[in-house]
Amino acid sequence: MSNSYQKLRSLELVQNYFEEFIDEIRKGNLQIYNEASIQYELAIFLRNKLPDNFIQLERNVSFFGLNKKNFEKKEIDIAIFNKNKTEKTAIEIKYPTNGQVPEQMFSFCKDIKFLEQLKEHGFVNNVFLCLADEKSFWEGNSPSPIYKFFREKHPITGNISKPTGKESGEVKFHINGNYLANWKLANNSTMYFTIWI
């Protein structure tokens, strides 16, 4: 096992990498303006930290010998893995820029479920990273259950239903773990949270 992947298997060290990355945003050393910019900048940042690993964007789960039909999503935003793919980590990123608050919150939950599914198939220290610059994601009343997860620090767990549209109220998937969205300041206009799976 490579030394850099031994680092990657240490949750504390990987968490430190993410805090360092956010600190670069906070200092103004990295410019983020949409989801793709975060994905790109984070991949470059992690390549410098983990030079012995492959760090690739938008990798289909089938690349790892997994059946796409068994997953909530098909592609991993950032996949980190060793040469023979025996050691692997998945990162999902959200940076909503078009409003649609309840739909985006549902999408956050879908990413969390996807990471749980990947964990069941050998991915370790997976992380969901969310950044937002609209306070409606972390403040306000909670007109439907999904808002509580992100505005009231209600545990993200159990059955997740679609909040809007013709399938509103229909249970779409079940989150097995118990997670908290603990919003923190990334810079003067952006908040973020990470969930480790």
Protein backbone atom coordinates (compact mmCIF):
# COMPACT_ATOMS: atom_id res chain seq x y z
CA MET A 1 0.00 0.00 0.00
CA SER A 2 1.40 3.41 -0.96
CA ASN A 3 2.29 5.86 1.78
CA SER A 4 -0.12 8.45 0.37
CA TYR A 5 -3.00 5.99 0.48
CA GLN A 6 -2.12 5.12 4.05
CA LYS A 7 -2.68 8.83 4.63
CA LEU A 8 -5.94 8.68 2.74
CA ARG A 9 -7.18 5.86 4.96
CA SER A 10 -6.67 8.11 7.99
CA LEU A 11 -9.95 9.98 8.41
CA GLU A 12 -8.34 12.71 10.49
CA LEU A 13 -5.73 13.46 7.82
CA VAL A 14 -8.28 13.51 4.99
CA GLN A 15 -10.49 15.84 7.03
CA ASN A 16 -7.47 18.10 7.47
CA TYR A 17 -7.01 18.20 3.69
CA PHE A 18 -10.56 19.48 3.29
CA GLU A 19 -10.08 22.10 5.99
CA GLU A 20 -6.90 23.24 4.21
CA PHE A 21 -8.82 23.43 0.94
CA ILE A 22 -11.57 25.55 2.48
CA ASP A 23 -8.91 27.74 4.07
CA GLU A 24 -7.49 28.43 0.60
CA ILE A 25 -10.97 29.59 -0.46
CA ARG A 26 -11.26 31.70 2.70
CA LYS A 27 -7.91 33.39 1.97
CA GLY A 28 -8.97 34.15 -1.60
CA ASN A 29 -6.27 31.90 -3.10
CA LEU A 30 -8.91 29.83 -4.93
CA GLN A 31 -11.77 31.32 -6.91
CA ILE A 32 -14.97 29.27 -6.85
CA TYR A 33 -18.02 30.27 -8.85
CA ASN A 34 -19.85 27.04 -9.70
CA GLU A 35 -19.76 23.31 -8.94
CA ALA A 36 -17.29 22.52 -11.72
CA SER A 37 -14.80 25.10 -10.39
CA ILE A 38 -14.84 23.43 -6.97
CA GLN A 39 -14.44 20.00 -8.52
CA TYR A 40 -11.49 21.14 -10.62
CA GLU A 41 -9.71 23.07 -7.85
CA LEU A 42 -10.22 20.29 -5.30
CA ALA A 43 -8.85 17.67 -7.70
CA ILE A 44 -5.69 19.74 -8.27
CA PHE A 45 -5.33 20.34 -4.54
CA LEU A 46 -5.67 16.63 -3.72
CA ARG A 47 -3.24 15.59 -6.48
CA ASN A 48 -0.60 17.65 -4.71
CA LYS A 49 -1.43 15.97 -1.40
CA LEU A 50 -1.75 12.42 -2.75
CA PRO A 51 0.72 12.08 -5.65
CA ASP A 52 0.71 8.25 -5.65
CA ASN A 53 -3.01 7.98 -6.34
CA PHE A 54 -5.23 8.52 -9.36
CA ILE A 55 -7.62 11.43 -8.87
CA GLN A 56 -10.22 11.53 -11.61
CA LEU A 57 -13.41 13.45 -12.31
CA GLU A 58 -16.83 12.07 -13.25
CA ARG A 59 -15.80 8.41 -13.07
CA ASN A 60 -18.66 6.01 -13.80
CA VAL A 61 -19.20 3.37 -11.11
CA SER A 62 -18.85 0.69 -13.82
CA PHE A 63 -15.13 1.58 -13.98
CA PHE A 64 -14.85 -0.04 -10.55
CA GLY A 65 -16.74 -3.16 -11.66
CA LEU A 66 -20.04 -2.02 -10.15
CA ASN A 67 -23.50 -2.31 -11.69
CA LYS A 68 -24.90 1.15 -12.44
CA LYS A 69 -28.44 -0.09 -11.81
CA ASN A 70 -27.69 -0.56 -8.11
CA PHE A 71 -26.80 3.07 -7.40
CA GLU A 72 -28.66 6.35 -6.97
CA LYS A 73 -26.17 7.98 -9.34
CA LYS A 74 -23.87 6.69 -12.05
CA GLU A 75 -20.84 8.97 -11.85
CA ILE A 76 -18.58 9.96 -8.96
CA ASP A 77 -17.66 13.65 -8.89
CA ILE A 78 -14.10 12.92 -7.75
CA ALA A 79 -12.73 9.38 -7.42
CA ILE A 80 -9.42 8.70 -5.68
CA PHE A 81 -7.93 5.23 -6.11
CA ASN A 82 -4.71 3.25 -6.30
CA LYS A 83 -3.34 1.45 -9.36
CA ASN A 84 -5.28 -1.79 -8.90
CA LYS A 85 -8.43 -0.05 -7.56
CA THR A 86 -8.34 -1.93 -4.26
CA GLU A 87 -8.18 1.31 -2.28
CA LYS A 88 -10.70 3.99 -3.23
CA THR A 89 -12.49 7.08 -1.97
CA ALA A 90 -15.44 9.02 -3.41
CA ILE A 91 -16.20 12.73 -3.15
CA GLU A 92 -19.52 14.31 -4.07
CA ILE A 93 -19.84 18.09 -4.39
CA LYS A 94 -22.77 20.47 -4.46
CA TYR A 95 -22.73 24.23 -5.03
CA PRO A 96 -26.31 25.24 -5.89
CA THR A 97 -26.52 28.44 -7.92
CA ASN A 98 -30.05 28.44 -9.32
CA GLY A 99 -32.30 28.52 -6.24
CA GLN A 100 -34.75 25.58 -6.24
CA VAL A 101 -33.96 25.13 -2.56
CA PRO A 102 -36.03 22.04 -1.68
CA GLU A 103 -35.04 20.26 -4.90
CA GLN A 104 -31.37 20.98 -4.22
CA MET A 105 -31.71 19.73 -0.63
CA PHE A 106 -33.19 16.52 -2.01
CA SER A 107 -30.18 16.31 -4.33
CA PHE A 108 -27.87 16.71 -1.31
CA CYS A 109 -29.57 13.71 0.29
CA LYS A 110 -29.28 11.72 -2.92
CA ASP A 111 -25.51 12.30 -2.96
CA ILE A 112 -25.28 11.16 0.67
CA LYS A 113 -27.18 7.97 -0.17
CA PHE A 114 -24.92 7.40 -3.17
CA LEU A 115 -21.85 7.64 -0.93
CA GLU A 116 -23.40 5.15 1.49
CA GLN A 117 -23.88 2.76 -1.42
CA LEU A 118 -20.25 3.22 -2.47
CA LYS A 119 -19.10 2.59 1.10
CA GLU A 120 -20.92 -0.76 0.98
CA HIS A 121 -18.73 -1.57 -2.04
CA GLY A 122 -15.35 -0.79 -0.50
CA PHE A 123 -14.97 2.98 -0.79
CA VAL A 124 -13.53 4.51 2.42
CA ASN A 125 -13.59 8.00 3.98
CA ASN A 126 -16.09 9.28 1.45
CA VAL A 127 -17.16 12.89 1.76
CA PHE A 128 -20.06 15.06 0.70
CA LEU A 129 -18.94 18.68 0.37
CA CYS A 130 -21.61 21.35 0.05
CA LEU A 131 -21.03 25.06 -0.45
CA ALA A 132 -23.78 27.64 -0.84
CA ASP A 133 -24.05 31.41 -1.02
CA GLU A 134 -27.84 31.63 -0.62
CA LYS A 135 -28.86 31.89 3.04
CA SER A 136 -32.17 30.15 2.26
CA PHE A 137 -30.21 26.89 2.39
CA TRP A 138 -29.32 27.34 6.08
CA GLU A 139 -31.91 29.86 7.36
CA GLY A 140 -35.68 30.26 7.40
CA ASN A 141 -38.83 28.34 8.24
CA SER A 142 -39.08 24.64 7.46
CA PRO A 143 -42.27 24.18 5.39
CA SER A 144 -41.48 20.54 4.58
CA PRO A 145 -39.41 17.86 6.33
CA ILE A 146 -36.41 18.13 4.02
CA TYR A 147 -35.68 21.72 5.14
CA LYS A 148 -35.13 20.58 8.74
CA PHE A 149 -32.03 18.63 7.73
CA PHE A 150 -30.25 21.76 6.57
CA ARG A 151 -31.84 24.56 8.62
CA GLU A 152 -32.42 23.00 12.04
CA LYS A 153 -29.54 20.50 12.41
CA HIS A 154 -32.08 17.69 12.32
CA PRO A 155 -30.26 14.37 11.69
CA ILE A 156 -30.21 13.35 8.02
CA THR A 157 -31.46 9.80 8.29
CA GLY A 158 -34.32 7.49 7.36
CA ASN A 159 -36.73 7.70 4.45
CA ILE A 160 -36.20 10.61 2.07
CA SER A 161 -39.16 11.78 0.00
CA LYS A 162 -39.20 13.97 -3.07
CA PRO A 163 -40.28 17.44 -1.85
CA THR A 164 -41.86 18.82 -5.04
CA GLY A 165 -43.44 17.80 -8.33
CA LYS A 166 -45.87 15.06 -9.16
CA GLU A 167 -43.94 12.55 -7.03
CA SER A 168 -43.96 14.85 -4.00
CA GLY A 169 -44.16 12.89 -0.77
CA GLU A 170 -43.15 9.61 -2.39
CA VAL A 171 -40.29 7.87 -0.56
CA LYS A 172 -37.37 7.64 -2.97
CA PHE A 173 -34.61 6.13 -0.84
CA HIS A 174 -33.53 5.39 2.73
CA ILE A 175 -30.42 6.85 4.38
CA ASN A 176 -29.02 4.31 6.81
CA GLY A 177 -26.57 6.50 8.70
CA ASN A 178 -27.14 9.53 10.88
CA TYR A 179 -25.54 12.77 9.67
CA LEU A 180 -25.61 16.47 10.55
CA ALA A 181 -25.25 19.44 8.21
CA ASN A 182 -23.12 21.73 10.35
CA TRP A 183 -22.79 24.92 8.29
CA LYS A 184 -19.57 26.91 8.67
CA LEU A 185 -18.24 30.07 7.07
CA ALA A 186 -16.08 29.52 3.97
CA ASN A 187 -15.72 33.20 3.12
CA ASN A 188 -17.72 36.39 3.58
CA SER A 189 -20.53 35.22 1.28
CA THR A 190 -20.35 31.42 1.30
CA MET A 191 -21.18 28.75 3.86
CA TYR A 192 -20.19 25.08 3.70
CA PHE A 193 -20.52 21.74 5.43
CA THR A 194 -18.95 18.33 5.03
CA ILE A 195 -20.45 14.93 5.80
CA TRP A 196 -18.12 11.95 6.15
CA ILE A 197 -19.35 8.51 5.18
